[in-house]
């Protein structure tokens, strides 16, 4: 009995696994950020900006987001009022 067919089958299985792994790697192009990476980024930000500057930056970011949210709500209100006026009574 020859070992060649058995080796060929193992080769095909290995080839299929490699293709599956390759397709998974192509789908997930963006690497996931874990806890370690977040801690390293936070440490670098702390070293660059200092402990007093970071809360000021976060407050400014929060104000900007809040203003953006308020503007979106303000745009929705006139549209709703316009729809109510166009409804026949």
PDB file of N, CA and C in Angstrom:
ATOM      1  N   UNK A   1       0.848  -1.177   0.000  1.00  0.00           N
ATOM      2  CA  UNK A   1       0.000   0.000   0.000  1.00  0.00           C
ATOM      3  C   UNK A   1       0.892   1.238   0.000  1.00  0.00           C
ATOM      4  N   UNK A   2       0.541   2.175  -0.823  1.00  0.00           N
ATOM      5  CA  UNK A   2       1.345   3.371  -0.985  1.00  0.00           C
ATOM      6  C   UNK A   2       0.869   4.458  -0.011  1.00  0.00           C
ATOM      7  N   UNK A   3       1.784   5.252   0.429  1.00  0.00           N
ATOM      8  CA  UNK A   3       1.497   6.350   1.352  1.00  0.00           C
ATOM      9  C   UNK A   3       1.162   7.628   0.576  1.00  0.00           C
ATOM     10  N   UNK A   4       1.417   7.608  -0.690  1.00  0.00           N
ATOM     11  CA  UNK A   4       1.237   8.791  -1.520  1.00  0.00           C
ATOM     12  C   UNK A   4      -0.191   9.342  -1.500  1.00  0.00           C
ATOM     13  N   UNK A   5      -1.256   8.542  -1.631  1.00  0.00           N
ATOM     14  CA  UNK A   5      -2.605   9.116  -1.557  1.00  0.00           C
ATOM     15  C   UNK A   5      -2.891   9.765  -0.209  1.00  0.00           C
ATOM     16  N   UNK A   6      -2.413   9.179   0.868  1.00  0.00           N
ATOM     17  CA  UNK A   6      -2.620   9.739   2.203  1.00  0.00           C
ATOM     18  C   UNK A   6      -1.932  11.091   2.334  1.00  0.00           C
ATOM     19  N   UNK A   7      -0.724  11.179   1.838  1.00  0.00           N
ATOM     20  CA  UNK A   7       0.021  12.442   1.889  1.00  0.00           C
ATOM     21  C   UNK A   7      -0.663  13.495   1.027  1.00  0.00           C
ATOM     22  N   UNK A   8      -1.170  13.064  -0.132  1.00  0.00           N
ATOM     23  CA  UNK A   8      -1.872  13.991  -1.016  1.00  0.00           C
ATOM     24  C   UNK A   8      -3.124  14.541  -0.354  1.00  0.00           C
ATOM     25  N   UNK A   9      -3.879  13.702   0.344  1.00  0.00           N
ATOM     26  CA  UNK A   9      -5.077  14.146   1.057  1.00  0.00           C
ATOM     27  C   UNK A   9      -4.700  15.137   2.151  1.00  0.00           C
ATOM     28  N   UNK A  10      -3.647  14.836   2.890  1.00  0.00           N
ATOM     29  CA  UNK A  10      -3.195  15.774   3.931  1.00  0.00           C
ATOM     30  C   UNK A  10      -2.773  17.109   3.321  1.00  0.00           C
ATOM     31  N   UNK A  11      -2.109  17.049   2.178  1.00  0.00           N
ATOM     32  CA  UNK A  11      -1.704  18.268   1.487  1.00  0.00           C
ATOM     33  C   UNK A  11      -2.931  19.093   1.090  1.00  0.00           C
ATOM     34  N   UNK A  12      -3.959  18.442   0.559  1.00  0.00           N
ATOM     35  CA  UNK A  12      -5.181  19.159   0.162  1.00  0.00           C
ATOM     36  C   UNK A  12      -5.877  19.782   1.364  1.00  0.00           C
ATOM     37  N   UNK A  13      -5.940  19.060   2.475  1.00  0.00           N
ATOM     38  CA  UNK A  13      -6.559  19.604   3.688  1.00  0.00           C
ATOM     39  C   UNK A  13      -5.798  20.834   4.163  1.00  0.00           C
ATOM     40  N   UNK A  14      -4.479  20.740   4.168  1.00  0.00           N
ATOM     41  CA  UNK A  14      -3.652  21.872   4.586  1.00  0.00           C
ATOM     42  C   UNK A  14      -3.843  23.057   3.649  1.00  0.00           C
ATOM     43  N   UNK A  15      -3.951  22.791   2.355  1.00  0.00           N
ATOM     44  CA  UNK A  15      -4.157  23.850   1.381  1.00  0.00           C
ATOM     45  C   UNK A  15      -5.501  24.539   1.597  1.00  0.00           C
ATOM     46  N   UNK A  16      -6.544  23.769   1.887  1.00  0.00           N
ATOM     47  CA  UNK A  16      -7.858  24.354   2.147  1.00  0.00           C
ATOM     48  C   UNK A  16      -7.849  25.198   3.412  1.00  0.00           C
ATOM     49  N   UNK A  17      -7.175  24.729   4.444  1.00  0.00           N
ATOM     50  CA  UNK A  17      -7.075  25.524   5.693  1.00  0.00           C
ATOM     51  C   UNK A  17      -6.357  26.834   5.439  1.00  0.00           C
ATOM     52  N   UNK A  18      -5.294  26.806   4.667  1.00  0.00           N
ATOM     53  CA  UNK A  18      -4.536  28.022   4.372  1.00  0.00           C
ATOM     54  C   UNK A  18      -5.398  29.010   3.602  1.00  0.00           C
ATOM     55  N   UNK A  19      -6.205  28.507   2.662  1.00  0.00           N
ATOM     56  CA  UNK A  19      -7.080  29.406   1.898  1.00  0.00           C
ATOM     57  C   UNK A  19      -8.149  30.013   2.796  1.00  0.00           C
ATOM     58  N   UNK A  20      -8.689  29.210   3.723  1.00  0.00           N
ATOM     59  CA  UNK A  20      -9.688  29.748   4.643  1.00  0.00           C
ATOM     60  C   UNK A  20      -9.083  30.842   5.503  1.00  0.00           C
ATOM     61  N   UNK A  21      -7.884  30.599   6.013  1.00  0.00           N
ATOM     62  CA  UNK A  21      -7.204  31.589   6.845  1.00  0.00           C
ATOM     63  C   UNK A  21      -6.910  32.842   6.033  1.00  0.00           C
ATOM     64  N   UNK A  22      -6.497  32.655   4.792  1.00  0.00           N
ATOM     65  CA  UNK A  22      -6.189  33.783   3.936  1.00  0.00           C
ATOM     66  C   UNK A  22      -7.429  34.627   3.672  1.00  0.00           C
ATOM     67  N   UNK A  23      -8.562  33.972   3.456  1.00  0.00           N
ATOM     68  CA  UNK A  23      -9.790  34.732   3.208  1.00  0.00           C
ATOM     69  C   UNK A  23     -10.245  35.464   4.462  1.00  0.00           C
ATOM     70  N   UNK A  24     -10.031  34.876   5.625  1.00  0.00           N
ATOM     71  CA  UNK A  24     -10.362  35.571   6.879  1.00  0.00           C
ATOM     72  C   UNK A  24      -9.500  36.808   7.052  1.00  0.00           C
ATOM     73  N   UNK A  25      -8.233  36.684   6.714  1.00  0.00           N
ATOM     74  CA  UNK A  25      -7.338  37.830   6.855  1.00  0.00           C
ATOM     75  C   UNK A  25      -7.711  38.936   5.883  1.00  0.00           C
ATOM     76  N   UNK A  26      -8.177  38.585   4.703  1.00  0.00           N
ATOM     77  CA  UNK A  26      -8.588  39.601   3.738  1.00  0.00           C
ATOM     78  C   UNK A  26      -9.839  40.324   4.198  1.00  0.00           C
ATOM     79  N   UNK A  27     -10.769  39.623   4.819  1.00  0.00           N
ATOM     80  CA  UNK A  27     -12.010  40.244   5.284  1.00  0.00           C
ATOM     81  C   UNK A  27     -11.759  41.200   6.435  1.00  0.00           C
ATOM     82  N   UNK A  28     -10.892  40.833   7.356  1.00  0.00           N
ATOM     83  CA  UNK A  28     -10.625  41.648   8.547  1.00  0.00           C
ATOM     84  C   UNK A  28      -9.367  42.476   8.328  1.00  0.00           C
ATOM     85  N   UNK A  29      -9.449  43.465   7.467  1.00  0.00           N
ATOM     86  CA  UNK A  29      -8.276  44.281   7.178  1.00  0.00           C
ATOM     87  C   UNK A  29      -7.953  45.239   8.316  1.00  0.00           C
ATOM     88  N   UNK A  30      -8.960  45.683   9.039  1.00  0.00           N
ATOM     89  CA  UNK A  30      -8.750  46.622  10.127  1.00  0.00           C
ATOM     90  C   UNK A  30      -8.421  45.825  11.388  1.00  0.00           C
ATOM     91  N   UNK A  31      -7.258  46.083  11.978  1.00  0.00           N
ATOM     92  CA  UNK A  31      -6.924  45.342  13.195  1.00  0.00           C
ATOM     93  C   UNK A  31      -7.772  45.804  14.373  1.00  0.00           C
ATOM     94  N   UNK A  32      -8.033  44.899  15.259  1.00  0.00           N
ATOM     95  CA  UNK A  32      -8.808  45.236  16.446  1.00  0.00           C
ATOM     96  C   UNK A  32      -7.903  45.876  17.480  1.00  0.00           C
ATOM     97  N   UNK A  33      -8.449  46.851  18.187  1.00  0.00           N
ATOM     98  CA  UNK A  33      -7.679  47.538  19.219  1.00  0.00           C
ATOM     99  C   UNK A  33      -8.067  46.937  20.555  1.00  0.00           C
ATOM    100  N   UNK A  34      -7.069  46.440  21.269  1.00  0.00           N
ATOM    101  CA  UNK A  34      -7.312  45.822  22.562  1.00  0.00           C
ATOM    102  C   UNK A  34      -7.020  46.782  23.699  1.00  0.00           C
ATOM    103  N   UNK A  35      -7.116  46.259  24.897  1.00  0.00           N
ATOM    104  CA  UNK A  35      -6.888  47.059  26.095  1.00  0.00           C
ATOM    105  C   UNK A  35      -5.452  47.574  26.158  1.00  0.00           C
ATOM    106  N   UNK A  36      -4.509  46.741  25.779  1.00  0.00           N
ATOM    107  CA  UNK A  36      -3.102  47.148  25.819  1.00  0.00           C
ATOM    108  C   UNK A  36      -2.852  48.334  24.897  1.00  0.00           C
ATOM    109  N   UNK A  37      -3.390  48.285  23.693  1.00  0.00           N
ATOM    110  CA  UNK A  37      -3.192  49.386  22.744  1.00  0.00           C
ATOM    111  C   UNK A  37      -3.830  50.672  23.252  1.00  0.00           C
ATOM    112  N   UNK A  38      -5.014  50.564  23.846  1.00  0.00           N
ATOM    113  CA  UNK A  38      -5.685  51.748  24.397  1.00  0.00           C
ATOM    114  C   UNK A  38      -4.865  52.358  25.524  1.00  0.00           C
ATOM    115  N   UNK A  39      -4.305  51.521  26.387  1.00  0.00           N
ATOM    116  CA  UNK A  39      -3.475  52.031  27.480  1.00  0.00           C
ATOM    117  C   UNK A  39      -2.210  52.713  26.960  1.00  0.00           C
ATOM    118  N   UNK A  40      -1.604  52.158  25.927  1.00  0.00           N
ATOM    119  CA  UNK A  40      -0.406  52.777  25.347  1.00  0.00           C
ATOM    120  C   UNK A  40      -0.757  54.130  24.736  1.00  0.00           C
ATOM    121  N   UNK A  41      -1.872  54.212  24.025  1.00  0.00           N
ATOM    122  CA  UNK A  41      -2.301  55.482  23.430  1.00  0.00           C
ATOM    123  C   UNK A  41      -2.581  56.513  24.524  1.00  0.00           C
ATOM    124  N   UNK A  42      -3.243  56.085  25.606  1.00  0.00           N
ATOM    125  CA  UNK A  42      -3.545  56.996  26.714  1.00  0.00           C
ATOM    126  C   UNK A  42      -2.259  57.497  27.371  1.00  0.00           C
ATOM    127  N   UNK A  43      -1.282  56.625  27.527  1.00  0.00           N
ATOM    128  CA  UNK A  43      -0.002  57.022  28.123  1.00  0.00           C
ATOM    129  C   UNK A  43       0.722  58.032  27.234  1.00  0.00           C
ATOM    130  N   UNK A  44       0.710  57.803  25.938  1.00  0.00           N
ATOM    131  CA  UNK A  44       1.359  58.739  25.012  1.00  0.00           C
ATOM    132  C   UNK A  44       0.658  60.097  25.050  1.00  0.00           C
ATOM    133  N   UNK A  45      -0.686  60.099  25.074  1.00  0.00           N
ATOM    134  CA  UNK A  45      -1.419  61.363  25.166  1.00  0.00           C
ATOM    135  C   UNK A  45      -1.105  62.092  26.465  1.00  0.00           C
ATOM    136  N   UNK A  46      -0.997  61.345  27.555  1.00  0.00           N
ATOM    137  CA  UNK A  46      -0.673  61.944  28.844  1.00  0.00           C
ATOM    138  C   UNK A  46       0.711  62.574  28.815  1.00  0.00           C
ATOM    139  N   UNK A  47       1.651  61.896  28.198  1.00  0.00           N
ATOM    140  CA  UNK A  47       3.008  62.442  28.112  1.00  0.00           C
ATOM    141  C   UNK A  47       3.073  63.661  27.194  1.00  0.00           C
ATOM    142  N   UNK A  48       2.307  63.651  26.107  1.00  0.00           N
ATOM    143  CA  UNK A  48       2.361  64.767  25.162  1.00  0.00           C
ATOM    144  C   UNK A  48       1.654  66.017  25.681  1.00  0.00           C
ATOM    145  N   UNK A  49       0.473  65.851  26.253  1.00  0.00           N
ATOM    146  CA  UNK A  49      -0.339  67.012  26.603  1.00  0.00           C
ATOM    147  C   UNK A  49      -0.337  67.338  28.089  1.00  0.00           C
ATOM    148  N   UNK A  50      -0.002  66.410  28.940  1.00  0.00           N
ATOM    149  CA  UNK A  50      -0.008  66.673  30.377  1.00  0.00           C
ATOM    150  C   UNK A  50      -1.375  66.442  30.983  1.00  0.00           C
ATOM    151  N   UNK A  51      -1.383  66.299  32.307  1.00  0.00           N
ATOM    152  CA  UNK A  51      -2.617  65.944  33.016  1.00  0.00           C
ATOM    153  C   UNK A  51      -3.623  67.097  33.066  1.00  0.00           C
ATOM    154  N   UNK A  52      -3.172  68.335  32.952  1.00  0.00           N
ATOM    155  CA  UNK A  52      -4.108  69.463  33.050  1.00  0.00           C
ATOM    156  C   UNK A  52      -4.765  69.777  31.706  1.00  0.00           C
ATOM    157  N   UNK A  53      -4.099  69.504  30.621  1.00  0.00           N
ATOM    158  CA  UNK A  53      -4.607  69.860  29.295  1.00  0.00           C
ATOM    159  C   UNK A  53      -5.653  68.860  28.782  1.00  0.00           C
ATOM    160  N   UNK A  54      -5.547  67.604  29.157  1.00  0.00           N
ATOM    161  CA  UNK A  54      -6.462  66.575  28.644  1.00  0.00           C
ATOM    162  C   UNK A  54      -7.918  66.834  29.047  1.00  0.00           C
ATOM    163  N   UNK A  55      -8.231  67.158  30.318  1.00  0.00           N
ATOM    164  CA  UNK A  55      -9.641  67.451  30.647  1.00  0.00           C
ATOM    165  C   UNK A  55     -10.205  68.646  29.878  1.00  0.00           C
ATOM    166  N   UNK A  56      -9.370  69.657  29.617  1.00  0.00           N
ATOM    167  CA  UNK A  56      -9.820  70.802  28.829  1.00  0.00           C
ATOM    168  C   UNK A  56     -10.170  70.376  27.399  1.00  0.00           C
ATOM    169  N   UNK A  57      -9.352  69.496  26.825  1.00  0.00           N
ATOM    170  CA  UNK A  57      -9.622  69.018  25.468  1.00  0.00           C
ATOM    171  C   UNK A  57     -10.904  68.194  25.431  1.00  0.00           C
ATOM    172  N   UNK A  58     -11.129  67.386  26.433  1.00  0.00           N
ATOM    173  CA  UNK A  58     -12.340  66.556  26.474  1.00  0.00           C
ATOM    174  C   UNK A  58     -13.595  67.421  26.644  1.00  0.00           C
ATOM    175  N   UNK A  59     -13.501  68.492  27.461  1.00  0.00           N
ATOM    176  CA  UNK A  59     -14.623  69.410  27.610  1.00  0.00           C
ATOM    177  C   UNK A  59     -14.957  70.079  26.285  1.00  0.00           C
ATOM    178  N   UNK A  60     -13.928  70.510  25.576  1.00  0.00           N
ATOM    179  CA  UNK A  60     -14.136  71.126  24.269  1.00  0.00           C
ATOM    180  C   UNK A  60     -14.768  70.150  23.280  1.00  0.00           C
ATOM    181  N   UNK A  61     -14.333  68.905  23.307  1.00  0.00           N
ATOM    182  CA  UNK A  61     -14.905  67.884  22.436  1.00  0.00           C
ATOM    183  C   UNK A  61     -16.373  67.644  22.776  1.00  0.00           C
ATOM    184  N   UNK A  62     -16.681  67.585  24.071  1.00  0.00           N
ATOM    185  CA  UNK A  62     -18.070  67.371  24.501  1.00  0.00           C
ATOM    186  C   UNK A  62     -18.957  68.542  24.090  1.00  0.00           C
ATOM    187  N   UNK A  63     -18.449  69.769  24.226  1.00  0.00           N
ATOM    188  CA  UNK A  63     -19.223  70.940  23.804  1.00  0.00           C
ATOM    189  C   UNK A  63     -19.487  70.905  22.303  1.00  0.00           C
ATOM    190  N   UNK A  64     -18.488  70.533  21.538  1.00  0.00           N
ATOM    191  CA  UNK A  64     -18.656  70.444  20.092  1.00  0.00           C
ATOM    192  C   UNK A  64     -19.688  69.403  19.701  1.00  0.00           C
ATOM    193  N   UNK A  65     -19.635  68.240  20.329  1.00  0.00           N
ATOM    194  CA  UNK A  65     -20.614  67.189  20.036  1.00  0.00           C
ATOM    195  C   UNK A  65     -22.023  67.606  20.454  1.00  0.00           C
ATOM    196  N   UNK A  66     -22.135  68.268  21.598  1.00  0.00           N
ATOM    197  CA  UNK A  66     -23.434  68.729  22.066  1.00  0.00           C
ATOM    198  C   UNK A  66     -24.010  69.768  21.104  1.00  0.00           C
ATOM    199  N   UNK A  67     -23.169  70.681  20.630  1.00  0.00           N
ATOM    200  CA  UNK A  67     -23.620  71.680  19.661  1.00  0.00           C
ATOM    201  C   UNK A  67     -24.060  71.037  18.359  1.00  0.00           C
ATOM    202  N   UNK A  68     -23.319  70.033  17.903  1.00  0.00           N
ATOM    203  CA  UNK A  68     -23.682  69.315  16.683  1.00  0.00           C
ATOM    204  C   UNK A  68     -25.029  68.627  16.839  1.00  0.00           C
ATOM    205  N   UNK A  69     -25.241  68.003  17.996  1.00  0.00           N
ATOM    206  CA  UNK A  69     -26.506  67.313  18.273  1.00  0.00           C
ATOM    207  C   UNK A  69     -27.665  68.315  18.314  1.00  0.00           C
ATOM    208  N   UNK A  70     -27.449  69.468  18.939  1.00  0.00           N
ATOM    209  CA  UNK A  70     -28.491  70.495  18.999  1.00  0.00           C
ATOM    210  C   UNK A  70     -28.846  71.016  17.606  1.00  0.00           C
ATOM    211  N   UNK A  71     -27.852  71.182  16.744  1.00  0.00           N
ATOM    212  CA  UNK A  71     -28.109  71.644  15.386  1.00  0.00           C
ATOM    213  C   UNK A  71     -28.911  70.620  14.599  1.00  0.00           C
ATOM    214  N   UNK A  72     -28.627  69.356  14.792  1.00  0.00           N
ATOM    215  CA  UNK A  72     -29.402  68.321  14.111  1.00  0.00           C
ATOM    216  C   UNK A  72     -30.856  68.334  14.566  1.00  0.00           C
ATOM    217  N   UNK A  73     -31.069  68.536  15.863  1.00  0.00           N
ATOM    218  CA  UNK A  73     -32.437  68.605  16.376  1.00  0.00           C
ATOM    219  C   UNK A  73     -33.148  69.844  15.849  1.00  0.00           C
ATOM    220  N   UNK A  74     -32.420  70.953  15.732  1.00  0.00           N
ATOM    221  CA  UNK A  74     -33.017  72.196  15.241  1.00  0.00           C
ATOM    222  C   UNK A  74     -33.435  72.060  13.780  1.00  0.00           C
ATOM    223  N   UNK A  75     -32.696  71.287  12.988  1.00  0.00           N
ATOM    224  CA  UNK A  75     -33.067  71.085  11.593  1.00  0.00           C
ATOM    225  C   UNK A  75     -34.293  70.192  11.470  1.00  0.00           C
ATOM    226  N   UNK A  76     -34.471  69.262  12.389  1.00  0.00           N
ATOM    227  CA  UNK A  76     -35.604  68.348  12.329  1.00  0.00           C
ATOM    228  C   UNK A  76     -36.912  69.044  12.700  1.00  0.00           C
ATOM    229  N   UNK A  77     -36.874  70.013  13.604  1.00  0.00           N
ATOM    230  CA  UNK A  77     -38.099  70.688  14.050  1.00  0.00           C
ATOM    231  C   UNK A  77     -38.810  71.426  12.923  1.00  0.00           C
ATOM    232  N   UNK A  78     -38.134  72.242  12.098  1.00  0.00           N
ATOM    233  CA  UNK A  78     -38.862  72.910  10.997  1.00  0.00           C
ATOM    234  C   UNK A  78     -39.459  71.921  10.004  1.00  0.00           C
ATOM    235  N   UNK A  79     -38.796  70.809   9.763  1.00  0.00           N
ATOM    236  CA  UNK A  79     -39.343  69.809   8.850  1.00  0.00           C
ATOM    237  C   UNK A  79     -40.636  69.241   9.409  1.00  0.00           C
ATOM    238  N   UNK A  80     -40.661  68.962  10.710  1.00  0.00           N
ATOM    239  CA  UNK A  80     -41.871  68.428  11.338  1.00  0.00           C
ATOM    240  C   UNK A  80     -42.983  69.461  11.307  1.00  0.00           C
ATOM    241  N   UNK A  81     -42.685  70.721  11.555  1.00  0.00           N
ATOM    242  CA  UNK A  81     -43.697  71.774  11.525  1.00  0.00           C
ATOM    243  C   UNK A  81     -44.235  71.959  10.121  1.00  0.00           C
ATOM    244  N   UNK A  82     -43.376  71.832   9.121  1.00  0.00           N
ATOM    245  CA  UNK A  82     -43.813  71.947   7.735  1.00  0.00           C
ATOM    246  C   UNK A  82     -44.740  70.807   7.350  1.00  0.00           C
ATOM    247  N   UNK A  83     -44.500  69.637   7.852  1.00  0.00           N
ATOM    248  CA  UNK A  83     -45.373  68.492   7.570  1.00  0.00           C
ATOM    249  C   UNK A  83     -46.730  68.661   8.207  1.00  0.00           C
ATOM    250  N   UNK A  84     -46.770  69.237   9.417  1.00  0.00           N
ATOM    251  CA  UNK A  84     -48.046  69.438  10.105  1.00  0.00           C
ATOM    252  C   UNK A  84     -48.892  70.474   9.378  1.00  0.00           C
ATOM    253  N   UNK A  85     -48.271  71.521   8.811  1.00  0.00           N
ATOM    254  CA  UNK A  85     -49.018  72.559   8.098  1.00  0.00           C
ATOM    255  C   UNK A  85     -49.586  72.035   6.781  1.00  0.00           C
ATOM    256  N   UNK A  86     -48.880  71.109   6.157  1.00  0.00           N
ATOM    257  CA  UNK A  86     -49.325  70.628   4.844  1.00  0.00           C
ATOM    258  C   UNK A  86     -50.444  69.583   4.966  1.00  0.00           C
ATOM    259  N   UNK A  87     -50.727  69.084   6.165  1.00  0.00           N
ATOM    260  CA  UNK A  87     -51.791  68.107   6.340  1.00  0.00           C
ATOM    261  C   UNK A  87     -53.148  68.811   6.258  1.00  0.00           C
ATOM    262  N   UNK A  88     -54.083  68.296   5.438  1.00  0.00           N
ATOM    263  CA  UNK A  88     -55.411  68.926   5.380  1.00  0.00           C
ATOM    264  C   UNK A  88     -56.221  68.591   6.635  1.00  0.00           C
ATOM    265  N   UNK A  89     -57.026  69.558   7.089  1.00  0.00           N
ATOM    266  CA  UNK A  89     -57.825  69.323   8.295  1.00  0.00           C
ATOM    267  C   UNK A  89     -59.224  68.882   7.958  1.00  0.00           C
TER     268      UNK A  89
END
